[in-house]
Protein backbone atom coordinates (compact mmCIF):
# COMPACT_ATOMS: atom_id res chain seq x y z
CA MET A 1 -87.49 15.51 17.14
CA THR A 2 -89.90 12.63 17.10
CA LEU A 3 -88.93 9.07 16.37
CA LYS A 4 -90.79 9.21 13.04
CA LYS A 5 -88.89 12.32 11.99
CA ASN A 6 -85.55 10.68 12.97
CA ILE A 7 -86.29 7.68 10.80
CA ILE A 8 -87.27 9.86 7.83
CA TYR A 9 -84.08 11.96 8.27
CA THR A 10 -81.85 8.90 8.40
CA ILE A 11 -83.45 7.43 5.26
CA ASN A 12 -82.94 10.69 3.38
CA VAL A 13 -79.23 10.79 4.35
CA LEU A 14 -78.75 7.20 3.17
CA LEU A 15 -80.46 7.95 -0.12
CA LEU A 16 -78.21 10.98 -0.69
CA PHE A 17 -75.10 8.93 0.15
CA LEU A 18 -76.10 6.17 -2.28
CA LEU A 19 -76.85 8.68 -4.97
CA PHE A 20 -73.50 10.40 -4.43
CA SER A 21 -71.64 7.07 -4.38
CA CYS A 22 -73.26 5.91 -7.57
CA SER A 23 -72.38 9.19 -9.19
CA LYS A 24 -68.70 8.83 -8.14
CA MET A 25 -68.60 5.21 -9.29
CA ASP A 26 -70.00 6.25 -12.65
CA ASP A 27 -67.35 8.97 -12.93
CA TYR A 28 -64.60 6.44 -12.02
CA LYS A 29 -65.88 3.96 -14.64
CA ASN A 30 -66.14 6.70 -17.25
CA ILE A 31 -62.57 7.87 -16.58
CA TYR A 32 -60.64 4.75 -15.57
CA GLN A 33 -62.66 1.82 -16.78
CA LYS A 34 -64.08 3.31 -19.92
CA ASN A 35 -62.79 0.34 -21.85
CA GLY A 36 -63.04 -2.15 -19.03
CA PRO A 37 -61.30 -2.75 -15.65
CA ILE A 38 -57.71 -1.62 -14.91
CA ILE A 39 -55.15 -4.27 -15.89
CA TYR A 40 -51.70 -4.44 -14.27
CA PRO A 41 -48.99 -6.47 -16.05
CA GLY A 42 -46.82 -8.74 -13.96
CA LYS A 43 -44.20 -6.74 -12.10
CA ILE A 44 -40.47 -7.51 -12.09
CA ASP A 45 -39.61 -10.11 -9.47
CA SER A 46 -36.53 -10.47 -7.21
CA LEU A 47 -35.23 -7.01 -8.12
CA LYS A 48 -31.65 -6.46 -6.92
CA ALA A 49 -29.28 -3.49 -7.17
CA PHE A 50 -25.47 -3.79 -7.19
CA ALA A 51 -23.18 -0.87 -6.36
CA GLY A 52 -20.53 0.27 -8.82
CA LYS A 53 -18.22 3.09 -9.86
CA ASN A 54 -20.60 5.90 -10.83
CA ARG A 55 -23.05 3.24 -11.93
CA VAL A 56 -25.48 0.62 -10.63
CA MET A 57 -26.47 -2.73 -12.07
CA LEU A 58 -30.10 -3.83 -11.70
CA THR A 59 -31.19 -7.46 -12.11
CA GLY A 60 -34.54 -9.16 -11.83
CA LEU A 61 -36.77 -12.01 -12.95
CA PHE A 62 -39.91 -12.36 -15.04
CA THR A 63 -41.71 -15.41 -13.75
CA SER A 64 -45.20 -14.78 -15.24
CA ASP A 65 -47.17 -12.70 -17.74
CA PRO A 66 -45.82 -13.60 -21.18
CA LYS A 67 -47.29 -10.37 -22.60
CA ILE A 68 -44.56 -8.17 -21.03
CA THR A 69 -42.56 -6.45 -23.78
CA LYS A 70 -40.43 -3.93 -21.89
CA TYR A 71 -39.66 -2.38 -18.57
CA THR A 72 -38.80 1.20 -17.65
CA VAL A 73 -36.34 2.26 -14.97
CA TYR A 74 -36.77 5.72 -13.41
CA TRP A 75 -34.28 7.53 -11.18
CA ASN A 76 -33.30 11.04 -10.09
CA SER A 77 -36.84 11.68 -8.81
CA ARG A 78 -38.21 10.31 -12.10
CA GLN A 79 -36.36 12.97 -14.07
CA ASP A 80 -34.28 10.29 -15.80
CA SER A 81 -35.38 6.98 -17.25
CA ILE A 82 -34.42 4.18 -19.57
CA VAL A 83 -36.64 1.73 -21.47
CA VAL A 84 -35.36 -1.82 -21.83
CA PRO A 85 -37.03 -4.22 -24.34
CA VAL A 86 -37.92 -7.69 -23.09
CA LYS A 87 -38.30 -10.85 -25.18
CA ARG A 88 -40.20 -13.33 -23.07
CA THR A 89 -39.72 -17.07 -23.27
CA LYS A 90 -41.71 -19.91 -21.75
CA ASN A 91 -39.24 -20.07 -18.92
CA VAL A 92 -38.24 -17.71 -16.13
CA ASP A 93 -36.36 -14.84 -17.78
CA THR A 94 -33.50 -13.00 -16.15
CA VAL A 95 -32.94 -9.36 -17.05
CA LYS A 96 -30.03 -7.05 -16.32
CA THR A 97 -29.35 -3.41 -17.05
CA ILE A 98 -26.64 -0.95 -15.99
CA ILE A 99 -27.44 2.65 -15.17
CA SER A 100 -24.30 4.76 -15.77
CA ASN A 101 -23.13 8.33 -15.16
CA LEU A 102 -24.59 8.45 -11.67
CA PRO A 103 -23.38 10.89 -9.01
CA GLU A 104 -21.71 9.45 -5.92
CA GLY A 105 -24.11 8.76 -3.10
CA ILE A 106 -27.37 6.80 -2.72
CA ALA A 107 -29.48 6.29 -5.85
CA SER A 108 -33.16 5.23 -5.78
CA PHE A 109 -34.83 3.43 -8.67
CA GLU A 110 -38.39 2.64 -9.71
CA VAL A 111 -39.10 -0.18 -12.17
CA ARG A 112 -42.37 -0.66 -14.06
CA THR A 113 -43.20 -3.22 -16.75
CA SER A 114 -45.37 -2.75 -19.85
CA ASP A 115 -47.24 -5.30 -21.95
CA THR A 116 -48.29 -5.55 -25.59
CA GLU A 117 -51.43 -3.51 -24.93
CA GLY A 118 -49.66 -0.65 -23.18
CA HIS A 119 -50.70 -1.56 -19.65
CA ILE A 120 -48.25 -0.50 -16.93
CA SER A 121 -47.42 -2.49 -13.80
CA ILE A 122 -47.34 -1.28 -10.25
CA PRO A 123 -43.85 0.03 -9.32
CA VAL A 124 -41.03 -1.89 -7.67
CA ASN A 125 -38.56 0.33 -5.84
CA ILE A 126 -34.97 -0.24 -4.77
CA ALA A 127 -31.90 1.79 -3.73
CA ALA A 128 -28.14 1.27 -4.04
CA ASN A 129 -24.87 2.98 -3.16
CA VAL A 130 -22.90 4.68 -5.91
CA TYR A 131 -19.13 5.07 -5.41
CA GLY A 132 -16.79 7.51 -7.14
CA ALA A 133 -13.98 10.01 -6.68
CA LEU A 134 -14.67 10.61 -2.99
CA TYR A 135 -14.40 6.92 -2.15
CA GLN A 136 -11.33 6.60 -4.38
CA SER A 137 -9.58 9.43 -2.54
CA SER A 138 -10.04 7.63 0.78
CA LEU A 139 -8.12 4.51 -0.28
CA LEU A 140 -4.58 3.81 0.92
CA ASN A 141 -2.20 1.16 -0.36
CA ARG A 142 -1.93 -1.76 2.03
CA GLY A 143 1.10 -1.32 4.25
CA ILE A 144 4.20 -3.51 4.17
CA SER A 145 5.66 -4.20 7.61
CA ASP A 146 8.92 -5.60 6.26
CA ALA A 147 10.49 -6.63 2.96
CA ALA A 148 13.84 -8.41 2.93
CA ILE A 149 15.90 -10.77 0.79
CA GLN A 150 16.11 -14.28 2.24
CA PRO A 151 19.06 -16.72 2.08
CA ASP A 152 17.41 -18.56 -0.84
CA GLY A 153 17.34 -15.35 -2.89
CA SER A 154 13.61 -14.73 -2.56
CA ALA A 155 12.08 -11.53 -1.21
CA LEU A 156 9.85 -12.10 1.79
CA ILE A 157 7.07 -9.52 2.09
CA ILE A 158 5.30 -9.19 5.44
CA TRP A 159 2.04 -7.30 5.01
CA ALA A 160 0.49 -5.04 7.63
CA ASP A 161 -2.77 -6.37 9.03
CA VAL A 162 -6.02 -4.87 7.74
CA ASN A 163 -9.61 -4.92 8.97
CA LYS A 164 -11.61 -7.69 7.34
CA ASP A 165 -14.27 -5.11 6.42
CA ALA A 166 -11.80 -2.74 4.73
CA GLY A 167 -12.63 -4.16 1.31
CA VAL A 168 -9.06 -5.15 0.38
CA LYS A 169 -9.26 -7.87 -2.30
CA PHE A 170 -5.74 -8.31 -3.65
CA MET A 171 -2.35 -6.71 -4.22
CA HIS A 172 -0.81 -6.47 -7.67
CA ILE A 173 3.02 -6.65 -7.46
CA ARG A 174 5.61 -5.94 -10.13
CA TYR A 175 9.26 -6.88 -9.66
CA ALA A 176 12.37 -7.92 -11.59
CA ASP A 177 14.23 -11.20 -11.10
CA ASN A 178 17.96 -11.84 -11.44
CA ASN A 179 17.53 -12.29 -15.20
CA ASP A 180 15.92 -8.83 -15.46
CA LYS A 181 12.59 -10.43 -16.31
CA THR A 182 9.61 -8.44 -15.04
CA HIS A 183 6.95 -10.36 -13.12
CA ASP A 184 3.35 -9.32 -12.48
CA THR A 185 2.06 -11.17 -9.45
CA LEU A 186 -1.49 -11.07 -8.12
CA VAL A 187 -1.76 -11.81 -4.40
CA VAL A 188 -5.18 -12.48 -2.92
CA SER A 189 -5.55 -10.64 0.37
CA SER A 190 -6.16 -12.10 3.80
CA PRO A 191 -6.67 -9.72 6.74
CA THR A 192 -3.94 -10.87 9.14
CA ALA A 193 -0.64 -12.76 9.33
CA MET A 194 -0.11 -12.47 5.59
CA VAL A 195 3.26 -13.02 3.91
CA THR A 196 4.27 -13.23 0.26
CA ARG A 197 7.45 -14.72 -1.17
CA LEU A 198 8.81 -13.40 -4.50
CA PRO A 199 11.35 -15.90 -5.90
CA ASN A 200 14.70 -14.96 -7.46
CA PHE A 201 14.32 -11.28 -6.55
CA LYS A 202 17.03 -9.03 -7.98
CA ILE A 203 19.03 -7.49 -5.15
CA GLY A 204 19.18 -3.72 -5.20
CA LYS A 205 15.86 -3.33 -7.00
CA SER A 206 12.57 -2.11 -5.59
CA LEU A 207 9.16 -3.63 -6.09
CA SER A 208 6.04 -1.67 -6.99
CA TYR A 209 2.52 -2.59 -6.00
CA ARG A 210 -1.06 -1.39 -5.82
CA THR A 211 -4.07 -2.53 -3.81
CA ALA A 212 -7.52 -3.40 -5.16
CA PHE A 213 -10.60 -2.60 -3.08
CA LEU A 214 -14.21 -3.75 -3.41
CA PRO A 215 -16.46 -1.26 -1.59
CA GLU A 216 -19.19 -3.87 -1.05
CA ALA A 217 -19.12 -7.64 -1.26
CA THR A 218 -21.47 -7.63 -4.27
CA ALA A 219 -20.15 -4.48 -5.97
CA ILE A 220 -19.53 -4.75 -9.72
CA ASP A 221 -16.44 -2.50 -9.82
CA GLN A 222 -13.08 -2.62 -8.04
CA PHE A 223 -11.08 0.47 -7.10
CA TYR A 224 -7.28 0.63 -7.25
CA THR A 225 -4.68 2.71 -5.49
CA ASP A 226 -1.79 4.15 -7.49
CA TYR A 227 1.33 2.02 -7.81
CA GLN A 228 3.78 2.62 -4.97
CA SER A 229 7.48 1.76 -4.89
CA ARG A 230 8.89 -0.19 -1.97
CA SER A 231 12.54 -1.01 -1.35
CA VAL A 232 13.57 -4.52 -0.31
CA LYS A 233 16.29 -4.89 2.25
CA ALA A 234 19.19 -7.15 1.39
CA ASP A 235 22.59 -7.86 2.88
CA VAL A 236 24.88 -7.03 -0.05
CA THR A 237 28.05 -7.05 2.00
CA LYS A 238 29.65 -9.97 0.15
CA LEU A 239 28.77 -8.45 -3.21
CA TYR A 240 30.64 -5.19 -2.70
CA ILE A 241 32.87 -5.00 0.38
CA SER A 242 35.30 -7.40 2.05
CA ASN A 243 37.39 -7.90 5.19
CA THR A 244 34.30 -6.97 7.19
CA GLY A 245 35.10 -8.54 10.58
CA PRO A 246 36.60 -10.18 12.42
CA PHE A 247 39.20 -8.13 10.54
CA THR A 248 42.37 -9.52 9.06
CA ARG A 249 45.73 -7.74 9.06
CA GLY A 250 48.24 -7.17 6.35
CA ALA A 251 51.10 -6.44 8.76
CA PHE A 252 51.57 -7.29 12.45
CA ASP A 253 53.99 -6.34 15.23
CA GLY A 254 53.75 -9.82 16.75
CA ASN A 255 52.00 -8.50 19.81
CA ARG A 256 48.81 -6.44 19.50
CA TRP A 257 49.03 -3.91 16.70
CA GLY A 258 48.86 -4.31 12.98
CA ILE A 259 47.75 -2.68 9.73
CA LEU A 260 44.45 -3.72 8.17
CA ALA A 261 44.62 -5.92 5.10
CA ALA A 262 43.26 -4.63 1.78
CA PRO A 263 40.89 -3.33 0.65
CA TRP A 264 41.04 -1.11 3.74
CA VAL A 265 43.12 2.05 3.41
CA THR A 266 44.63 3.47 6.60
CA ASN A 267 46.22 6.93 6.48
CA ALA A 268 49.54 7.69 8.15
CA THR A 269 48.23 9.51 11.23
CA VAL A 270 46.39 6.37 12.36
CA ILE A 271 49.58 4.27 12.16
CA ASN A 272 50.87 5.71 15.43
CA HIS A 273 52.10 2.62 17.29
CA SER A 274 55.69 2.21 16.13
CA GLY A 275 54.68 1.84 12.48
CA TYR A 276 51.47 -0.04 13.14
CA GLY A 277 47.88 1.02 13.77
CA GLY A 278 44.32 0.71 12.56
CA TYR A 279 44.23 -2.99 13.50
CA ALA A 280 44.36 -4.61 16.95
CA THR A 281 43.91 -8.16 18.11
CA ASP A 282 41.05 -7.02 20.38
CA SER A 283 37.83 -9.08 20.04
CA GLY A 284 39.48 -11.46 17.61
CA GLY A 285 40.60 -8.74 15.20
CA SER A 286 39.20 -5.20 15.30
CA LEU A 287 39.42 -2.00 13.29
CA VAL A 288 40.83 0.47 15.81
CA MET A 289 42.07 3.99 16.48
CA GLU A 290 43.90 4.77 19.74
CA SER A 291 45.81 7.82 20.97
CA GLY A 292 47.36 8.92 24.26
CA TRP A 293 47.96 5.57 25.88
CA SER A 294 51.55 4.36 26.04
CA GLY A 295 52.66 7.66 24.60
CA SER A 296 50.94 7.16 21.24
CA PRO A 297 50.58 10.44 19.29
CA ASN A 298 47.36 12.30 18.65
CA ILE A 299 45.46 11.41 15.52
CA ILE A 300 44.53 14.33 13.22
CA ASN A 301 42.00 13.60 10.50
CA GLY A 302 42.53 9.89 10.95
CA LYS A 303 40.94 7.89 8.13
CA ILE A 304 40.23 4.20 7.63
CA TYR A 305 38.11 3.36 4.58
CA GLN A 306 37.61 1.19 1.53
CA THR A 307 36.38 2.31 -1.88
CA VAL A 308 33.78 0.40 -3.92
CA THR A 309 31.64 1.01 -6.98
CA LEU A 310 27.93 0.65 -6.28
CA PRO A 311 24.94 0.71 -8.65
CA ALA A 312 22.15 3.23 -8.16
CA GLY A 313 19.98 2.40 -5.19
CA ASN A 314 19.32 2.92 -1.50
CA TYR A 315 21.92 1.60 0.96
CA ILE A 316 22.77 1.38 4.63
CA PHE A 317 26.38 1.17 5.86
CA GLN A 318 26.10 -0.61 9.21
CA VAL A 319 28.75 -0.65 11.93
CA ASN A 320 29.09 -2.56 15.22
CA ASN A 321 31.35 -0.58 17.53
CA TYR A 322 32.54 0.10 21.06
CA THR A 323 33.95 3.45 22.15
CA GLU A 324 36.07 5.06 24.85
CA ALA A 325 36.64 8.12 22.66
CA LEU A 326 36.27 11.63 24.04
CA ASP A 327 36.52 13.38 20.68
CA PRO A 328 33.96 12.84 17.88
CA VAL A 329 34.27 9.72 15.74
CA TYR A 330 32.30 9.62 12.50
CA VAL A 331 31.05 6.83 10.26
CA VAL A 332 31.23 8.36 6.78
CA VAL A 333 30.08 7.60 3.24
CA ALA A 334 31.61 9.91 0.61
CA SER A 335 31.71 10.12 -3.17
CA GLY A 336 35.05 9.31 -4.77
CA ASN A 337 38.18 7.48 -3.67
CA THR A 338 38.79 8.93 -0.22
CA LEU A 339 37.11 10.45 2.84
CA PRO A 340 37.01 14.22 3.38
CA ASP A 341 38.79 15.92 6.29
CA ILE A 342 36.62 16.76 9.30
CA SER A 343 36.53 20.40 8.18
CA SER A 344 34.80 19.26 4.96
CA LEU A 345 32.58 16.63 6.52
CA SER A 346 29.47 18.33 5.13
CA THR A 347 30.53 17.31 1.61
CA ALA A 348 30.04 13.63 2.43
CA LEU A 349 27.04 11.75 1.10
CA SER A 350 26.08 10.76 4.63
CA PHE A 351 27.62 10.45 8.08
CA LYS A 352 26.80 9.73 11.72
CA ARG A 353 28.72 10.23 14.92
CA PHE A 354 29.52 7.47 17.39
CA SER A 355 27.54 7.73 20.60
CA SER A 356 28.91 10.33 23.01
CA LYS A 357 28.41 7.82 25.83
CA LEU A 358 31.65 6.19 26.90
CA TYR A 359 32.07 2.42 27.20
CA THR A 360 29.09 1.78 24.97
CA ASP A 361 28.46 -0.97 22.46
CA GLU A 362 26.14 0.10 19.66
CA VAL A 363 25.07 -0.48 16.09
CA ILE A 364 25.18 2.56 13.83
CA GLN A 365 23.37 2.71 10.50
CA VAL A 366 24.29 5.32 7.90
CA PRO A 367 21.74 5.40 5.05
CA PHE A 368 22.60 6.88 1.66
CA THR A 369 21.16 6.98 -1.85
CA LEU A 370 22.89 6.81 -5.21
CA THR A 371 21.06 8.04 -8.29
CA GLN A 372 23.64 6.44 -10.59
CA SER A 373 26.46 3.94 -10.44
CA GLN A 374 29.54 5.51 -8.85
CA ALA A 375 32.58 5.02 -6.66
CA VAL A 376 32.05 5.65 -2.96
CA SER A 377 34.30 5.41 0.07
CA LEU A 378 32.94 3.94 3.29
CA GLY A 379 34.78 4.20 6.56
CA PHE A 380 35.78 6.14 9.65
CA LEU A 381 37.04 9.64 10.37
CA SER A 382 38.27 11.10 13.66
CA THR A 383 40.59 13.64 15.24
CA MET A 384 41.70 12.40 18.67
CA GLN A 385 43.73 14.84 20.76
CA SER A 386 42.02 14.96 24.17
CA GLY A 387 44.19 12.51 26.08
CA ASN A 388 43.76 8.76 26.32
CA GLN A 389 41.17 7.64 23.77
CA TYR A 390 40.26 4.42 22.07
CA TRP A 391 37.50 2.96 19.90
CA ARG A 392 37.06 -0.24 17.99
CA VAL A 393 34.78 -1.67 15.32
CA THR A 394 34.14 -5.41 15.34
CA ALA A 395 32.12 -5.72 12.13
CA VAL A 396 30.72 -3.74 9.20
CA SER A 397 28.08 -4.62 6.65
CA LEU A 398 26.34 -3.09 3.66
CA LEU A 399 22.60 -3.38 3.22
CA SER A 400 20.52 -2.39 0.24
CA ASN A 401 17.22 -0.82 1.16
């Protein structure tokens, strides 16, 4: 192809392109600018989305374009929408709307404004988390490491540590004081080393509490666990039992042996040292059973106990003891005014055996629960007929739990 032909070909192509372009521009003007150029209203500014419980809150600003009359929010792939009227002022206007009934998960939103002439703005898009039943089911009440009555009558609650990102905001506590007045206490959470003191706490009662969670720092809804009951430990020894150690005697042989003073009851088989038994001067005054030594008779269904009336609640009968016993020795809590025989031990409310290790000091705790106020007997039961045997108790106590 000659140079002249190349030039003519190039000019023809350019003419066709210009003709085609002009045709397309005319089509565009006829379709989209029939009544003039495209006009976009001012879009929403500073759009933010805040997570909630099956809902999301959207906020934004209108900083320009006084002709804006409404905005439309689309979600669910534009299958759902809401139109929100806008009344502009001369100032910056803040708008807020809540989109409810959303499924749990991530929700995406598109926001467009409209003006008085029906023009529509370019879209502004944003996404937010939506929380619901699945998140709720994952929440656990904040743990309590310890709860105990203090000498001043308050309940000291030691909270388990939590991760700072767990979303725990506060704990709502309900409890009764000594005047039976119910208190609702709101405790703001801190992640670690957290303690709470509840004044004038009524001994023998439990507290109930729930935990509030905020799934995100800016979320608009809090989530709550169910209320949970928690017992509070208290030493109620002085309220209900007495002569708890060092033990005092009601009778004494002038040497070592005696009989425990009231309210302890000692049955006849334990009194096997010439009319004395159940008490010895050991360790400053101990509750004791001994058989075999110095010709002392065997003890069959030996019982030492005291009977008290306790209100409904959770308790622990605690015993400090030392044993050289070969046969079983039981710490027993039983309904009524006496202890059962060993053959009927299963009828007791609760019992535990002394350690089978000889020459052992230990603390034994026997927990039990009363659903109503009733008389209970707390004490010791043993049959000792295997030669020289001895055990002693240096102190007892009663704890509510």
